[in-house]
Amino acid sequence: MLEEFRRRADECRRLAAAARNANDKAFWMNLAERWQALETATAERPRPQKPAKTRRHSELSAAGDFD
């Protein structure tokens, strides 16, 4: 996902460099900044941890751990 955001920001910068007028250039640079902000926000967001697998009551009884 991060690579996709980075790729899109780079593409917007390339389009900005090729733009023929200031309005188009500003549009593409603004869009590049937004993609870069998404990349940064996603990279900084803590990733959820998977909960530890717990044994069910029936599994404990079958294993003889639960009398």
C-alpha atoms as a PDB file:
ATOM      1  CA  MET A   1       0.000   0.000   0.000  1.00  0.00           C
ATOM      2  CA  LEU A   2       2.786   2.427   0.900  1.00  0.00           C
ATOM      3  CA  GLU A   3       4.499   1.753  -2.403  1.00  0.00           C
ATOM      4  CA  GLU A   4       1.263   2.551  -4.243  1.00  0.00           C
ATOM      5  CA  PHE A   5       0.958   5.937  -2.498  1.00  0.00           C
ATOM      6  CA  ARG A   6       4.609   6.702  -3.270  1.00  0.00           C
ATOM      7  CA  ARG A   7       4.168   5.716  -6.922  1.00  0.00           C
ATOM      8  CA  ARG A   8       1.126   7.934  -7.311  1.00  0.00           C
ATOM      9  CA  ALA A   9       2.856  10.913  -5.684  1.00  0.00           C
ATOM     10  CA  ASP A  10       5.835  10.471  -8.026  1.00  0.00           C
ATOM     11  CA  GLU A  11       3.516  10.317 -11.030  1.00  0.00           C
ATOM     12  CA  CYS A  12       1.799  13.542  -9.948  1.00  0.00           C
ATOM     13  CA  ARG A  13       5.187  15.253  -9.626  1.00  0.00           C
ATOM     14  CA  ARG A  14       6.091  14.061 -13.124  1.00  0.00           C
ATOM     15  CA  LEU A  15       2.819  15.452 -14.468  1.00  0.00           C
ATOM     16  CA  ALA A  16       3.440  18.728 -12.641  1.00  0.00           C
ATOM     17  CA  ALA A  17       6.854  19.037 -14.275  1.00  0.00           C
ATOM     18  CA  ALA A  18       5.257  18.495 -17.687  1.00  0.00           C
ATOM     19  CA  ALA A  19       2.348  20.893 -17.062  1.00  0.00           C
ATOM     20  CA  ARG A  20       2.103  23.809 -19.454  1.00  0.00           C
ATOM     21  CA  ASN A  21       0.502  26.326 -17.111  1.00  0.00           C
ATOM     22  CA  ALA A  22       0.775  27.310 -13.456  1.00  0.00           C
ATOM     23  CA  ASN A  23      -2.737  26.145 -12.534  1.00  0.00           C
ATOM     24  CA  ASP A  24      -2.133  22.644 -13.838  1.00  0.00           C
ATOM     25  CA  LYS A  25       1.265  22.501 -12.154  1.00  0.00           C
ATOM     26  CA  ALA A  26      -0.263  23.616  -8.832  1.00  0.00           C
ATOM     27  CA  PHE A  27      -3.037  21.021  -9.172  1.00  0.00           C
ATOM     28  CA  TRP A  28      -0.583  18.142  -9.700  1.00  0.00           C
ATOM     29  CA  MET A  29       1.737  19.297  -6.911  1.00  0.00           C
ATOM     30  CA  ASN A  30      -1.210  19.561  -4.513  1.00  0.00           C
ATOM     31  CA  LEU A  31      -2.301  16.054  -5.461  1.00  0.00           C
ATOM     32  CA  ALA A  32       1.263  14.760  -4.988  1.00  0.00           C
ATOM     33  CA  GLU A  33       1.327  16.272  -1.498  1.00  0.00           C
ATOM     34  CA  ARG A  34      -1.955  14.553  -0.652  1.00  0.00           C
ATOM     35  CA  TRP A  35      -0.639  11.157  -1.795  1.00  0.00           C
ATOM     36  CA  GLN A  36       2.520  11.739   0.219  1.00  0.00           C
ATOM     37  CA  ALA A  37       0.440  12.647   3.288  1.00  0.00           C
ATOM     38  CA  LEU A  38      -1.493   9.383   2.910  1.00  0.00           C
ATOM     39  CA  GLU A  39       1.777   7.477   2.698  1.00  0.00           C
ATOM     40  CA  THR A  40       3.120   9.162   5.836  1.00  0.00           C
ATOM     41  CA  ALA A  41      -0.102   8.694   7.803  1.00  0.00           C
ATOM     42  CA  THR A  42      -0.307   5.031   6.824  1.00  0.00           C
ATOM     43  CA  ALA A  43       3.328   4.394   7.690  1.00  0.00           C
ATOM     44  CA  GLU A  44       2.939   6.015  11.122  1.00  0.00           C
ATOM     45  CA  ARG A  45      -0.301   4.227  11.987  1.00  0.00           C
ATOM     46  CA  PRO A  46       0.265   1.398  14.461  1.00  0.00           C
ATOM     47  CA  ARG A  47      -0.516  -1.976  12.996  1.00  0.00           C
ATOM     48  CA  PRO A  48      -3.093  -4.021  14.912  1.00  0.00           C
ATOM     49  CA  GLN A  49      -1.639  -7.065  16.575  1.00  0.00           C
ATOM     50  CA  LYS A  50      -3.311 -10.392  16.137  1.00  0.00           C
ATOM     51  CA  PRO A  51      -4.752 -11.647  19.429  1.00  0.00           C
ATOM     52  CA  ALA A  52      -3.090 -14.663  20.955  1.00  0.00           C
ATOM     53  CA  LYS A  53      -4.888 -17.872  20.112  1.00  0.00           C
ATOM     54  CA  THR A  54      -6.776 -19.075  23.164  1.00  0.00           C
ATOM     55  CA  ARG A  55      -7.938 -22.572  23.863  1.00  0.00           C
ATOM     56  CA  ARG A  56     -11.640 -23.170  24.197  1.00  0.00           C
ATOM     57  CA  HIS A  57     -13.153 -24.954  27.152  1.00  0.00           C
ATOM     58  CA  SER A  58     -13.849 -28.055  25.030  1.00  0.00           C
ATOM     59  CA  GLU A  59     -10.228 -28.172  23.882  1.00  0.00           C
ATOM     60  CA  LEU A  60      -9.028 -27.943  27.479  1.00  0.00           C
ATOM     61  CA  SER A  61     -11.357 -30.755  28.601  1.00  0.00           C
ATOM     62  CA  ALA A  62     -10.273 -33.008  25.741  1.00  0.00           C
ATOM     63  CA  ALA A  63      -6.616 -32.388  26.558  1.00  0.00           C
ATOM     64  CA  GLY A  64      -7.193 -33.319  30.189  1.00  0.00           C
ATOM     65  CA  ASP A  65      -6.134 -29.879  31.385  1.00  0.00           C
ATOM     66  CA  PHE A  66      -9.527 -29.024  32.772  1.00  0.00           C
ATOM     67  CA  ASP A  67     -11.156 -31.344  35.333  1.00  0.00           C
END
